[in-house]
């Protein structure tokens, strides 16, 4: 009988011990599993967040040129212009490289854009001519076949857009029956002289855009 009671006591003890391990085990945290979890990332506050990138619109030189260019003969509209930039001269067999703006003799010629008068010059083919260099030095506006100059013009003079330069005429090799302004746009460099080689640009699309 004593042996039976001893066996029963051992069994009860074992049962209680197993139950205790089950309860305690449910609260035990495995340190190795905790180390495997990634650490939370710190929140970024408004003061430490990088500022948004700013963008600056870029304007091309042609856009700037178009924004300031006006038809250099008064009372002439865009629909009155003719694109004869690519014509070949019968006299010299050269590219025209300009447009002729037709108007009655004496009509005012005005500056297409601001700049500086670099040269006032009379030639046999061009007659009374004016070379005006843009403020950045990279464009020359060439006015030719003019009848008369506006009083007081001088080389080195700053002029504003729309300032009167003279009048329409046929002072060079132009037909007196067709007075006009011979207007050319020349792309150059700031360190080049007015007479040095340059690249002609068709004024027609710039004046009619």
N, C-alpha and C. Protein backbone atom coordinates (compact mmCIF):
# COMPACT_ATOMS: atom_id res chain seq x y z
N UNK A 1 0.84 -1.18 0.00
CA UNK A 1 0.00 0.00 0.00
C UNK A 1 0.86 1.22 0.00
N UNK A 2 1.91 1.18 0.77
CA UNK A 2 2.83 2.32 0.81
C UNK A 2 3.43 2.58 -0.54
N UNK A 3 3.72 1.51 -1.25
CA UNK A 3 4.33 1.68 -2.58
C UNK A 3 3.35 2.31 -3.54
N UNK A 4 2.07 1.93 -3.46
CA UNK A 4 1.05 2.50 -4.35
C UNK A 4 0.89 3.97 -4.10
N UNK A 5 0.87 4.38 -2.79
CA UNK A 5 0.74 5.80 -2.47
C UNK A 5 1.95 6.58 -2.96
N UNK A 6 3.17 5.99 -2.88
CA UNK A 6 4.38 6.67 -3.34
C UNK A 6 4.35 6.89 -4.83
N UNK A 7 3.88 5.90 -5.56
CA UNK A 7 3.80 6.02 -7.04
C UNK A 7 2.82 7.11 -7.42
N UNK A 8 1.67 7.14 -6.66
CA UNK A 8 0.65 8.15 -6.96
C UNK A 8 1.20 9.54 -6.70
N UNK A 9 1.98 9.73 -5.61
CA UNK A 9 2.55 11.04 -5.29
C UNK A 9 3.54 11.49 -6.35
N UNK A 10 4.33 10.58 -6.87
CA UNK A 10 5.30 10.93 -7.95
C UNK A 10 4.58 11.38 -9.20
N UNK A 11 3.47 10.69 -9.51
CA UNK A 11 2.71 11.03 -10.71
C UNK A 11 2.11 12.40 -10.60
N UNK A 12 1.55 12.74 -9.42
CA UNK A 12 0.95 14.07 -9.21
C UNK A 12 2.01 15.15 -9.33
N UNK A 13 3.18 14.89 -8.73
CA UNK A 13 4.28 15.87 -8.80
C UNK A 13 4.72 16.11 -10.23
N UNK A 14 4.81 15.07 -11.01
CA UNK A 14 5.21 15.20 -12.42
C UNK A 14 4.19 15.99 -13.21
N UNK A 15 2.93 15.75 -12.92
CA UNK A 15 1.85 16.46 -13.64
C UNK A 15 1.89 17.94 -13.34
N UNK A 16 2.06 18.28 -12.04
CA UNK A 16 2.12 19.70 -11.65
C UNK A 16 3.34 20.40 -12.27
N UNK A 17 4.45 19.69 -12.27
CA UNK A 17 5.67 20.27 -12.86
C UNK A 17 5.49 20.56 -14.35
N UNK A 18 4.87 19.64 -15.09
CA UNK A 18 4.64 19.83 -16.53
C UNK A 18 3.72 21.01 -16.77
N UNK A 19 2.67 21.11 -15.92
CA UNK A 19 1.73 22.22 -16.09
C UNK A 19 2.41 23.55 -15.85
N UNK A 20 3.30 23.61 -14.85
CA UNK A 20 4.01 24.83 -14.55
C UNK A 20 4.90 25.27 -15.71
N UNK A 21 5.58 24.33 -16.35
CA UNK A 21 6.44 24.67 -17.50
C UNK A 21 5.63 25.17 -18.70
N UNK A 22 4.45 24.62 -18.86
CA UNK A 22 3.60 25.07 -19.97
C UNK A 22 3.18 26.52 -19.76
N UNK A 23 2.77 26.84 -18.48
CA UNK A 23 2.32 28.21 -18.19
C UNK A 23 3.47 29.19 -18.30
N UNK A 24 4.62 28.87 -17.68
CA UNK A 24 5.77 29.76 -17.70
C UNK A 24 6.32 29.92 -19.12
N UNK A 25 6.33 28.85 -19.86
CA UNK A 25 6.89 28.88 -21.22
C UNK A 25 6.17 29.82 -22.14
N UNK A 26 4.89 30.04 -21.88
CA UNK A 26 4.13 30.93 -22.76
C UNK A 26 4.55 32.38 -22.58
N UNK A 27 5.25 32.72 -21.48
CA UNK A 27 5.68 34.10 -21.23
C UNK A 27 7.16 34.31 -21.49
N UNK A 28 7.89 33.30 -21.89
CA UNK A 28 9.33 33.41 -22.11
C UNK A 28 9.58 33.96 -23.50
N UNK A 29 10.47 34.97 -23.64
CA UNK A 29 10.83 35.56 -24.93
C UNK A 29 12.19 35.06 -25.34
N UNK A 30 12.29 34.58 -26.56
CA UNK A 30 13.57 34.08 -27.07
C UNK A 30 14.40 35.27 -27.52
N UNK A 31 15.55 35.53 -26.84
CA UNK A 31 16.39 36.68 -27.17
C UNK A 31 16.89 36.62 -28.60
N UNK A 32 17.16 35.45 -29.11
CA UNK A 32 17.68 35.33 -30.47
C UNK A 32 16.66 35.80 -31.49
N UNK A 33 15.37 35.54 -31.26
CA UNK A 33 14.33 35.98 -32.19
C UNK A 33 14.16 37.50 -32.13
N UNK A 34 14.31 38.08 -30.94
CA UNK A 34 14.15 39.53 -30.79
C UNK A 34 15.25 40.27 -31.56
N UNK A 35 16.48 39.73 -31.58
CA UNK A 35 17.57 40.39 -32.28
C UNK A 35 17.40 40.33 -33.78
N UNK A 36 16.60 39.38 -34.25
CA UNK A 36 16.42 39.27 -35.70
C UNK A 36 15.46 40.33 -36.24
N UNK A 37 14.67 40.98 -35.42
CA UNK A 37 13.71 41.96 -35.89
C UNK A 37 14.42 43.26 -36.25
N UNK A 38 14.10 43.89 -37.39
CA UNK A 38 14.76 45.15 -37.77
C UNK A 38 14.36 46.27 -36.83
N UNK A 39 15.32 47.14 -36.53
CA UNK A 39 15.02 48.27 -35.66
C UNK A 39 14.15 49.26 -36.40
N UNK A 40 13.18 49.88 -35.72
CA UNK A 40 12.31 50.85 -36.40
C UNK A 40 13.10 52.07 -36.86
N UNK A 41 12.75 52.61 -38.06
CA UNK A 41 13.45 53.78 -38.59
C UNK A 41 12.95 55.03 -37.89
N UNK A 42 13.86 55.96 -37.59
CA UNK A 42 13.42 57.19 -36.92
C UNK A 42 12.55 58.03 -37.84
N UNK A 43 11.56 58.67 -37.28
CA UNK A 43 10.68 59.53 -38.07
C UNK A 43 11.45 60.77 -38.51
N UNK A 44 11.15 61.26 -39.74
CA UNK A 44 11.81 62.45 -40.27
C UNK A 44 10.90 63.63 -40.01
N UNK A 45 11.40 64.61 -39.29
CA UNK A 45 10.59 65.78 -38.98
C UNK A 45 10.69 66.79 -40.10
N UNK A 46 9.83 67.79 -40.08
CA UNK A 46 9.84 68.81 -41.13
C UNK A 46 11.14 69.58 -41.15
N UNK A 47 11.78 69.73 -39.99
CA UNK A 47 13.00 70.52 -39.91
C UNK A 47 14.20 69.78 -40.50
N UNK A 48 14.17 68.45 -40.53
CA UNK A 48 15.32 67.68 -41.03
C UNK A 48 15.07 67.13 -42.42
N UNK A 49 13.85 67.23 -42.93
CA UNK A 49 13.56 66.72 -44.26
C UNK A 49 14.25 67.59 -45.30
N UNK A 50 14.78 66.98 -46.41
CA UNK A 50 15.45 67.79 -47.43
C UNK A 50 14.45 68.70 -48.13
N UNK A 51 14.85 69.95 -48.48
CA UNK A 51 13.92 70.86 -49.15
C UNK A 51 13.63 70.39 -50.56
N UNK A 52 12.47 70.76 -51.12
CA UNK A 52 12.16 70.37 -52.50
C UNK A 52 13.12 71.03 -53.48
N UNK A 53 13.47 70.34 -54.56
CA UNK A 53 14.37 70.89 -55.55
C UNK A 53 13.65 71.95 -56.36
N UNK A 54 14.33 73.07 -56.60
CA UNK A 54 13.74 74.14 -57.39
C UNK A 54 14.23 74.03 -58.83
N UNK A 55 13.34 74.30 -59.78
CA UNK A 55 13.71 74.27 -61.19
C UNK A 55 13.54 75.66 -61.77
N UNK A 56 14.46 76.01 -62.64
CA UNK A 56 14.41 77.32 -63.27
C UNK A 56 14.13 77.13 -64.75
N UNK A 57 13.07 77.78 -65.26
CA UNK A 57 12.81 77.63 -66.69
C UNK A 57 13.95 78.23 -67.50
N UNK A 58 14.25 77.54 -68.55
CA UNK A 58 15.34 78.00 -69.40
C UNK A 58 14.74 78.59 -70.67
N UNK A 59 15.19 79.81 -71.01
CA UNK A 59 14.72 80.46 -72.21
C UNK A 59 15.85 80.48 -73.23
N UNK A 60 15.57 80.07 -74.46
CA UNK A 60 16.59 80.03 -75.49
C UNK A 60 16.85 81.44 -76.01
N UNK A 61 18.05 81.67 -76.63
CA UNK A 61 18.34 82.98 -77.21
C UNK A 61 17.33 83.38 -78.27
N UNK A 62 16.83 82.36 -79.05
CA UNK A 62 15.85 82.68 -80.08
C UNK A 62 14.55 83.16 -79.48
N UNK A 63 14.14 82.57 -78.34
CA UNK A 63 12.93 83.03 -77.67
C UNK A 63 13.08 84.47 -77.22
N UNK A 64 14.25 84.80 -76.68
CA UNK A 64 14.48 86.16 -76.24
C UNK A 64 14.45 87.11 -77.43
N UNK A 65 15.05 86.67 -78.54
CA UNK A 65 15.10 87.50 -79.73
C UNK A 65 13.68 87.76 -80.23
N UNK A 66 12.85 86.72 -80.29
CA UNK A 66 11.50 86.87 -80.78
C UNK A 66 10.68 87.76 -79.87
N UNK A 67 10.92 87.69 -78.57
CA UNK A 67 10.14 88.46 -77.62
C UNK A 67 10.36 89.95 -77.78
N UNK A 68 11.53 90.39 -78.31
CA UNK A 68 11.84 91.80 -78.39
C UNK A 68 11.79 92.36 -79.81
N UNK A 69 11.66 91.51 -80.80
CA UNK A 69 11.76 91.95 -82.19
C UNK A 69 10.43 92.54 -82.67
N UNK A 70 10.51 93.68 -83.37
CA UNK A 70 9.33 94.27 -83.98
C UNK A 70 9.62 94.57 -85.44
N UNK A 71 8.56 94.70 -86.23
CA UNK A 71 8.74 95.01 -87.65
C UNK A 71 9.37 96.40 -87.75
N UNK A 72 10.51 96.52 -88.43
CA UNK A 72 11.27 97.77 -88.37
C UNK A 72 10.80 98.87 -89.32
N UNK A 73 9.62 98.73 -89.89
CA UNK A 73 9.05 99.79 -90.72
C UNK A 73 7.64 100.08 -90.21
N UNK A 74 7.37 101.36 -89.94
CA UNK A 74 6.07 101.72 -89.40
C UNK A 74 4.95 101.47 -90.41
N UNK A 75 3.78 101.14 -89.87
CA UNK A 75 2.57 100.92 -90.67
C UNK A 75 2.66 99.71 -91.59
N UNK A 76 3.58 98.79 -91.29
CA UNK A 76 3.68 97.53 -92.02
C UNK A 76 3.32 96.42 -91.06
N UNK A 77 2.40 95.54 -91.45
CA UNK A 77 1.98 94.43 -90.59
C UNK A 77 2.63 93.13 -91.07
N UNK A 78 2.50 92.10 -90.27
CA UNK A 78 3.11 90.81 -90.62
C UNK A 78 2.57 90.26 -91.93
N UNK A 79 1.28 90.49 -92.21
CA UNK A 79 0.69 89.95 -93.45
C UNK A 79 1.22 90.66 -94.69
N UNK A 80 1.85 91.81 -94.51
CA UNK A 80 2.41 92.55 -95.65
C UNK A 80 3.81 92.08 -96.02
N UNK A 81 4.42 91.28 -95.17
CA UNK A 81 5.80 90.86 -95.41
C UNK A 81 5.88 89.72 -96.42
N UNK A 82 6.99 89.68 -97.14
CA UNK A 82 7.25 88.62 -98.11
C UNK A 82 8.59 87.98 -97.77
N UNK A 83 8.62 86.65 -97.80
CA UNK A 83 9.85 85.93 -97.47
C UNK A 83 10.69 85.76 -98.74
N UNK A 84 11.62 86.68 -98.95
CA UNK A 84 12.55 86.55 -100.09
C UNK A 84 13.99 86.37 -99.61
N UNK A 85 14.12 85.77 -98.43
CA UNK A 85 15.43 85.52 -97.84
C UNK A 85 16.29 84.64 -98.74
N UNK A 86 15.67 83.64 -99.39
CA UNK A 86 16.43 82.66 -100.17
C UNK A 86 16.56 83.04 -101.65
N UNK A 87 16.14 84.22 -102.02
CA UNK A 87 16.29 84.65 -103.41
C UNK A 87 17.76 84.81 -103.77
N UNK A 88 18.05 84.65 -105.05
CA UNK A 88 19.41 84.85 -105.57
C UNK A 88 19.45 86.16 -106.33
N UNK A 89 20.43 86.99 -105.97
CA UNK A 89 20.56 88.29 -106.62
C UNK A 89 20.99 88.11 -108.07
N UNK A 90 20.29 88.78 -108.99
CA UNK A 90 20.65 88.68 -110.42
C UNK A 90 21.97 89.41 -110.69
N UNK A 91 22.22 90.46 -109.93
CA UNK A 91 23.42 91.26 -110.19
C UNK A 91 24.69 90.55 -109.70
N UNK A 92 24.61 89.95 -108.51
CA UNK A 92 25.83 89.37 -107.93
C UNK A 92 25.80 87.85 -107.86
N UNK A 93 24.65 87.23 -108.14
CA UNK A 93 24.48 85.79 -108.06
C UNK A 93 24.68 85.27 -106.63
N UNK A 94 24.46 86.13 -105.64
CA UNK A 94 24.61 85.76 -104.24
C UNK A 94 23.24 85.58 -103.59
N UNK A 95 23.24 84.85 -102.48
CA UNK A 95 22.02 84.68 -101.70
C UNK A 95 21.60 86.03 -101.14
N UNK A 96 20.30 86.32 -101.22
CA UNK A 96 19.79 87.59 -100.71
C UNK A 96 20.07 87.72 -99.21
N UNK A 97 19.76 86.67 -98.43
CA UNK A 97 20.07 86.58 -97.00
C UNK A 97 19.48 87.73 -96.19
N UNK A 98 18.32 88.21 -96.60
CA UNK A 98 17.62 89.29 -95.91
C UNK A 98 16.20 89.31 -96.46
N UNK A 99 15.36 90.17 -95.91
CA UNK A 99 14.06 90.38 -96.53
C UNK A 99 13.92 91.86 -96.87
N UNK A 100 13.19 92.14 -97.94
CA UNK A 100 12.91 93.51 -98.34
C UNK A 100 11.51 93.88 -97.87
N UNK A 101 11.42 94.90 -97.04
CA UNK A 101 10.14 95.35 -96.50
C UNK A 101 9.70 96.56 -97.31
N UNK A 102 8.70 96.35 -98.14
CA UNK A 102 8.24 97.37 -99.06
C UNK A 102 7.39 98.41 -98.34
N UNK A 103 7.62 99.68 -98.68
CA UNK A 103 6.85 100.77 -98.08
C UNK A 103 7.12 102.03 -98.91
N UNK A 104 6.21 102.99 -98.87
CA UNK A 104 6.44 104.24 -99.60
C UNK A 104 7.70 104.95 -99.13
N UNK A 105 8.37 105.61 -100.05
CA UNK A 105 9.57 106.36 -99.71
C UNK A 105 9.25 107.39 -98.63
N UNK A 106 10.11 107.46 -97.63
CA UNK A 106 9.91 108.39 -96.52
C UNK A 106 9.27 107.77 -95.30
N UNK A 107 8.74 106.55 -95.41
CA UNK A 107 8.16 105.86 -94.25
C UNK A 107 9.24 105.64 -93.20
N UNK A 108 8.89 105.83 -91.94
CA UNK A 108 9.88 105.73 -90.87
C UNK A 108 10.41 104.31 -90.70
N UNK A 109 11.73 104.21 -90.57
CA UNK A 109 12.41 102.98 -90.20
C UNK A 109 12.73 103.07 -88.71
N UNK A 110 12.38 102.02 -87.96
CA UNK A 110 12.59 102.02 -86.51
C UNK A 110 13.43 100.81 -86.12
N UNK A 111 14.01 100.88 -84.94
CA UNK A 111 14.85 99.78 -84.45
C UNK A 111 14.00 98.58 -84.11
N UNK A 112 14.36 97.43 -84.66
CA UNK A 112 13.62 96.19 -84.39
C UNK A 112 13.82 95.71 -82.97
N UNK A 113 14.93 96.07 -82.36
CA UNK A 113 15.26 95.66 -81.00
C UNK A 113 16.28 96.64 -80.43
N UNK A 114 16.43 96.68 -79.12
CA UNK A 114 17.42 97.59 -78.55
C UNK A 114 18.84 97.14 -78.85
N UNK A 115 19.77 98.06 -78.75
CA UNK A 115 21.17 97.72 -78.99
C UNK A 115 22.02 98.97 -79.08
N UNK A 116 23.17 98.82 -79.74
CA UNK A 116 24.12 99.92 -79.90
C UNK A 116 24.46 100.07 -81.37
N UNK A 117 24.44 101.30 -81.87
CA UNK A 117 24.83 101.53 -83.27
C UNK A 117 26.33 101.31 -83.39
N UNK A 118 26.68 100.28 -84.14
CA UNK A 118 28.10 99.94 -84.27
C UNK A 118 28.71 100.59 -85.50
N UNK A 119 27.88 100.79 -86.52
CA UNK A 119 28.43 101.38 -87.75
C UNK A 119 27.33 102.09 -88.54
N UNK A 120 27.60 103.31 -88.94
CA UNK A 120 26.76 104.04 -89.90
C UNK A 120 27.62 104.19 -91.16
N UNK A 121 27.11 103.64 -92.24
CA UNK A 121 28.01 103.45 -93.38
C UNK A 121 27.21 103.54 -94.68
N UNK A 122 27.79 104.21 -95.67
CA UNK A 122 27.16 104.27 -96.98
C UNK A 122 27.99 103.47 -97.97
N UNK A 123 27.31 102.52 -98.65
CA UNK A 123 28.01 101.69 -99.63
C UNK A 123 27.25 101.74 -100.97
N UNK A 124 27.93 101.34 -102.02
CA UNK A 124 27.28 101.35 -103.34
C UNK A 124 26.12 100.36 -103.39
N UNK A 125 26.29 99.09 -102.95
CA UNK A 125 25.15 98.18 -103.03
C UNK A 125 24.07 98.45 -101.99
N UNK A 126 24.46 98.83 -100.76
CA UNK A 126 23.50 98.97 -99.67
C UNK A 126 22.98 100.37 -99.44
N UNK A 127 23.61 101.35 -100.06
CA UNK A 127 23.19 102.73 -99.84
C UNK A 127 23.43 103.15 -98.40
N UNK A 128 22.48 103.86 -97.82
CA UNK A 128 22.58 104.29 -96.43
C UNK A 128 22.28 103.09 -95.52
N UNK A 129 23.27 102.69 -94.75
CA UNK A 129 23.12 101.49 -93.92
C UNK A 129 23.44 101.79 -92.46
N UNK A 130 22.85 100.98 -91.58
CA UNK A 130 23.13 101.05 -90.15
C UNK A 130 23.30 99.63 -89.62
N UNK A 131 24.34 99.43 -88.83
CA UNK A 131 24.57 98.15 -88.15
C UNK A 131 24.30 98.37 -86.66
N UNK A 132 23.36 97.63 -86.11
CA UNK A 132 23.02 97.74 -84.68
C UNK A 132 23.31 96.41 -84.02
N UNK A 133 24.18 96.41 -83.02
CA UNK A 133 24.54 95.18 -82.30
C UNK A 133 23.68 95.05 -81.05
N UNK A 134 23.21 93.82 -80.79
CA UNK A 134 22.36 93.55 -79.62
C UNK A 134 23.15 93.74 -78.33
N UNK A 135 22.42 93.83 -77.22
CA UNK A 135 23.06 94.06 -75.93
C UNK A 135 24.02 92.94 -75.53
N UNK A 136 23.73 91.69 -75.95
CA UNK A 136 24.63 90.58 -75.61
C UNK A 136 25.78 90.44 -76.60
N UNK A 137 25.76 91.26 -77.64
CA UNK A 137 26.86 91.29 -78.61
C UNK A 137 26.81 90.19 -79.66
N UNK A 138 25.81 89.34 -79.64
CA UNK A 138 25.82 88.16 -80.50
C UNK A 138 24.88 88.26 -81.71
N UNK A 139 24.23 89.39 -81.88
CA UNK A 139 23.33 89.58 -83.02
C UNK A 139 23.53 90.98 -83.58
N UNK A 140 23.57 91.09 -84.90
CA UNK A 140 23.63 92.39 -85.57
C UNK A 140 22.39 92.52 -86.45
N UNK A 141 21.70 93.62 -86.30
CA UNK A 141 20.59 93.96 -87.19
C UNK A 141 21.11 94.96 -88.23
N UNK A 142 20.89 94.64 -89.49
CA UNK A 142 21.44 95.41 -90.59
C UNK A 142 20.29 96.07 -91.35
N UNK A 143 20.32 97.39 -91.40
CA UNK A 143 19.30 98.17 -92.09
C UNK A 143 19.96 98.83 -93.31
N UNK A 144 19.41 98.60 -94.50
CA UNK A 144 20.04 99.12 -95.72
C UNK A 144 19.00 99.67 -96.68
N UNK A 145 19.49 100.35 -97.72
CA UNK A 145 18.67 101.00 -98.75
C UNK A 145 17.83 102.15 -98.16
N UNK A 146 18.26 102.68 -97.02
CA UNK A 146 17.49 103.74 -96.38
C UNK A 146 17.61 105.04 -97.17
N UNK A 147 16.51 105.82 -97.10
CA UNK A 147 16.52 107.11 -97.79
C UNK A 147 17.35 108.14 -97.02
N UNK A 148 16.99 108.36 -95.78
CA UNK A 148 17.70 109.31 -94.93
C UNK A 148 17.90 108.73 -93.54
N UNK A 149 18.91 109.25 -92.85
CA UNK A 149 19.12 108.90 -91.45
C UNK A 149 18.32 109.86 -90.56
N UNK A 150 17.92 109.37 -89.40
CA UNK A 150 17.30 110.24 -88.40
C UNK A 150 18.36 111.21 -87.88
N UNK A 151 18.00 112.46 -87.64
CA UNK A 151 19.00 113.43 -87.15
C UNK A 151 19.62 113.00 -85.82
N UNK A 152 20.90 113.24 -85.69
CA UNK A 152 21.58 113.03 -84.42
C UNK A 152 22.11 111.63 -84.18
N UNK A 153 21.91 110.69 -85.10
CA UNK A 153 22.44 109.34 -84.90
C UNK A 153 23.96 109.36 -84.97
N UNK A 154 24.59 108.53 -84.14
CA UNK A 154 26.05 108.44 -84.14
C UNK A 154 26.48 107.03 -83.74
N UNK A 155 27.64 106.64 -84.17
CA UNK A 155 28.18 105.34 -83.79
C UNK A 155 28.46 105.31 -82.29
N UNK A 156 28.16 104.17 -81.66
CA UNK A 156 28.32 104.03 -80.23
C UNK A 156 27.08 104.44 -79.44
N UNK A 157 26.07 104.93 -80.14
CA UNK A 157 24.84 105.39 -79.47
C UNK A 157 23.95 104.22 -79.08
N UNK A 158 23.46 104.23 -77.85
CA UNK A 158 22.49 103.25 -77.40
C UNK A 158 21.12 103.63 -77.95
N UNK A 159 20.42 102.63 -78.47
CA UNK A 159 19.08 102.90 -78.98
C UNK A 159 18.09 101.95 -78.34
N UNK A 160 16.85 102.35 -78.30
CA UNK A 160 15.79 101.54 -77.71
C UNK A 160 14.95 100.91 -78.82
N UNK A 161 14.25 99.88 -78.47
CA UNK A 161 13.33 99.22 -79.42
C UNK A 161 12.27 100.23 -79.86
N UNK A 162 12.09 100.35 -81.19
CA UNK A 162 11.10 101.27 -81.74
C UNK A 162 11.61 102.67 -82.00
N UNK A 163 12.88 102.94 -81.66
CA UNK A 163 13.44 104.27 -81.90
C UNK A 163 13.61 104.50 -83.39
N UNK A 164 13.31 105.71 -83.84
CA UNK A 164 13.41 106.02 -85.27
C UNK A 164 14.87 106.10 -85.70
N UNK A 165 15.19 105.38 -86.80
CA UNK A 165 16.54 105.36 -87.34
C UNK A 165 16.67 106.16 -88.63
N UNK A 166 15.55 106.33 -89.31
CA UNK A 166 15.59 107.02 -90.59
C UNK A 166 14.32 106.74 -91.37
N UNK A 167 14.48 106.66 -92.71
CA UNK A 167 13.31 106.46 -93.56
C UNK A 167 13.60 105.47 -94.68
N UNK A 168 12.54 104.92 -95.21
CA UNK A 168 12.63 103.99 -96.33
C UNK A 168 13.07 104.75 -97.58
N UNK A 169 13.87 104.10 -98.42
CA UNK A 169 14.30 104.73 -99.67
C UNK A 169 14.80 103.70 -100.65
N UNK A 170 15.68 104.14 -101.52
CA UNK A 170 16.32 103.25 -102.50
C UNK A 170 17.70 103.83 -102.81
N UNK A 171 18.47 104.04 -101.75
CA UNK A 171 19.73 104.78 -101.86
C UNK A 171 20.89 103.96 -102.41
N UNK A 172 20.75 102.63 -102.49
CA UNK A 172 21.84 101.81 -102.99
C UNK A 172 21.56 101.36 -104.41
N UNK A 173 21.70 100.06 -104.65
CA UNK A 173 21.47 99.53 -105.99
C UNK A 173 20.02 99.10 -106.19
N UNK A 174 19.11 99.66 -105.37
CA UNK A 174 17.69 99.30 -105.46
C UNK A 174 17.01 100.10 -106.57
N UNK A 175 15.93 99.55 -107.05
CA UNK A 175 15.11 100.22 -108.07
C UNK A 175 14.37 101.38 -107.41
N UNK A 176 14.53 102.60 -107.93
CA UNK A 176 13.83 103.75 -107.34
C UNK A 176 12.31 103.60 -107.36
N UNK A 177 11.81 102.73 -108.23
CA UNK A 177 10.36 102.53 -108.32
C UNK A 177 9.84 101.60 -107.22
N UNK A 178 10.75 100.92 -106.51
CA UNK A 178 10.34 100.00 -105.44
C UNK A 178 11.10 100.30 -104.15
N UNK A 179 10.83 101.42 -103.52
CA UNK A 179 11.52 101.74 -102.27
C UNK A 179 11.22 100.70 -101.19
N UNK A 180 12.22 100.40 -100.38
CA UNK A 180 12.04 99.38 -99.35
C UNK A 180 13.18 99.47 -98.33
N UNK A 181 13.01 98.73 -97.25
CA UNK A 181 14.10 98.54 -96.28
C UNK A 181 14.65 97.14 -96.47
N UNK A 182 15.93 97.04 -96.70
CA UNK A 182 16.62 95.76 -96.74
C UNK A 182 17.03 95.44 -95.31
N UNK A 183 16.41 94.40 -94.71
CA UNK A 183 16.63 94.11 -93.29
C UNK A 183 17.22 92.72 -93.13
N UNK A 184 18.36 92.64 -92.45
CA UNK A 184 19.04 91.36 -92.24
C UNK A 184 19.35 91.18 -90.76
N UNK A 185 19.39 89.90 -90.35
CA UNK A 185 19.80 89.53 -88.99
C UNK A 185 21.03 88.64 -89.11
N UNK A 186 22.08 89.02 -88.42
CA UNK A 186 23.35 88.31 -88.52
C UNK A 186 23.75 87.79 -87.14
N UNK A 187 23.98 86.47 -87.03
CA UNK A 187 24.48 85.88 -85.79
C UNK A 187 26.00 85.94 -85.80
N UNK A 188 26.56 86.44 -84.73
CA UNK A 188 28.00 86.62 -84.65
C UNK A 188 28.47 86.29 -83.24
N UNK A 189 29.65 86.74 -82.88
CA UNK A 189 30.15 86.58 -81.51
C UNK A 189 30.46 87.96 -80.96
N UNK A 190 30.48 88.04 -79.64
CA UNK A 190 30.64 89.34 -78.99
C UNK A 190 31.98 90.00 -79.30
N UNK A 191 32.99 89.19 -79.63
CA UNK A 191 34.31 89.75 -79.89
C UNK A 191 34.60 89.96 -81.38
N UNK A 192 33.61 89.69 -82.24
CA UNK A 192 33.80 89.85 -83.68
C UNK A 192 33.43 91.26 -84.12
N UNK A 193 34.14 91.78 -85.10
CA UNK A 193 33.82 93.10 -85.65
C UNK A 193 32.58 93.02 -86.55
N UNK A 194 31.98 94.16 -86.80
CA UNK A 194 30.74 94.19 -87.58
C UNK A 194 30.94 93.68 -89.01
N UNK A 195 32.14 93.82 -89.56
CA UNK A 195 32.41 93.44 -90.93
C UNK A 195 32.89 91.99 -91.08
N UNK A 196 33.15 91.31 -89.97
CA UNK A 196 33.66 89.94 -90.05
C UNK A 196 32.55 88.96 -90.44
N UNK A 197 32.93 87.78 -90.96
CA UNK A 197 31.92 86.80 -91.39
C UNK A 197 30.95 86.46 -90.26
N UNK A 198 29.68 86.29 -90.63
CA UNK A 198 28.63 85.97 -89.66
C UNK A 198 27.62 85.06 -90.34
N UNK A 199 26.68 84.57 -89.56
CA UNK A 199 25.67 83.64 -90.08
C UNK A 199 24.33 84.35 -90.21
N UNK A 200 23.80 84.47 -91.43
CA UNK A 200 22.51 85.14 -91.60
C UNK A 200 21.36 84.29 -91.08
N UNK A 201 20.39 84.95 -90.49
CA UNK A 201 19.18 84.31 -89.98
C UNK A 201 17.99 84.93 -90.69
N UNK A 202 17.06 84.10 -91.11
CA UNK A 202 15.89 84.61 -91.83
C UNK A 202 15.00 85.43 -90.89
N UNK A 203 14.81 86.72 -91.15
CA UNK A 203 13.95 87.53 -90.27
C UNK A 203 12.46 87.23 -90.41
N UNK A 204 12.07 86.66 -91.55
CA UNK A 204 10.63 86.52 -91.83
C UNK A 204 9.88 85.74 -90.75
N UNK A 205 10.31 84.52 -90.37
CA UNK A 205 9.54 83.80 -89.34
C UNK A 205 9.58 84.48 -87.98
N UNK A 206 10.62 85.24 -87.70
CA UNK A 206 10.71 85.95 -86.43
C UNK A 206 9.75 87.14 -86.39
N UNK A 207 9.55 87.78 -87.53
CA UNK A 207 8.68 88.95 -87.58
C UNK A 207 7.20 88.58 -87.75
N UNK A 208 6.94 87.38 -88.20
CA UNK A 208 5.55 86.97 -88.45
C UNK A 208 5.04 85.97 -87.43
N UNK A 209 5.88 85.50 -86.51
CA UNK A 209 5.49 84.49 -85.51
C UNK A 209 4.44 85.06 -84.57
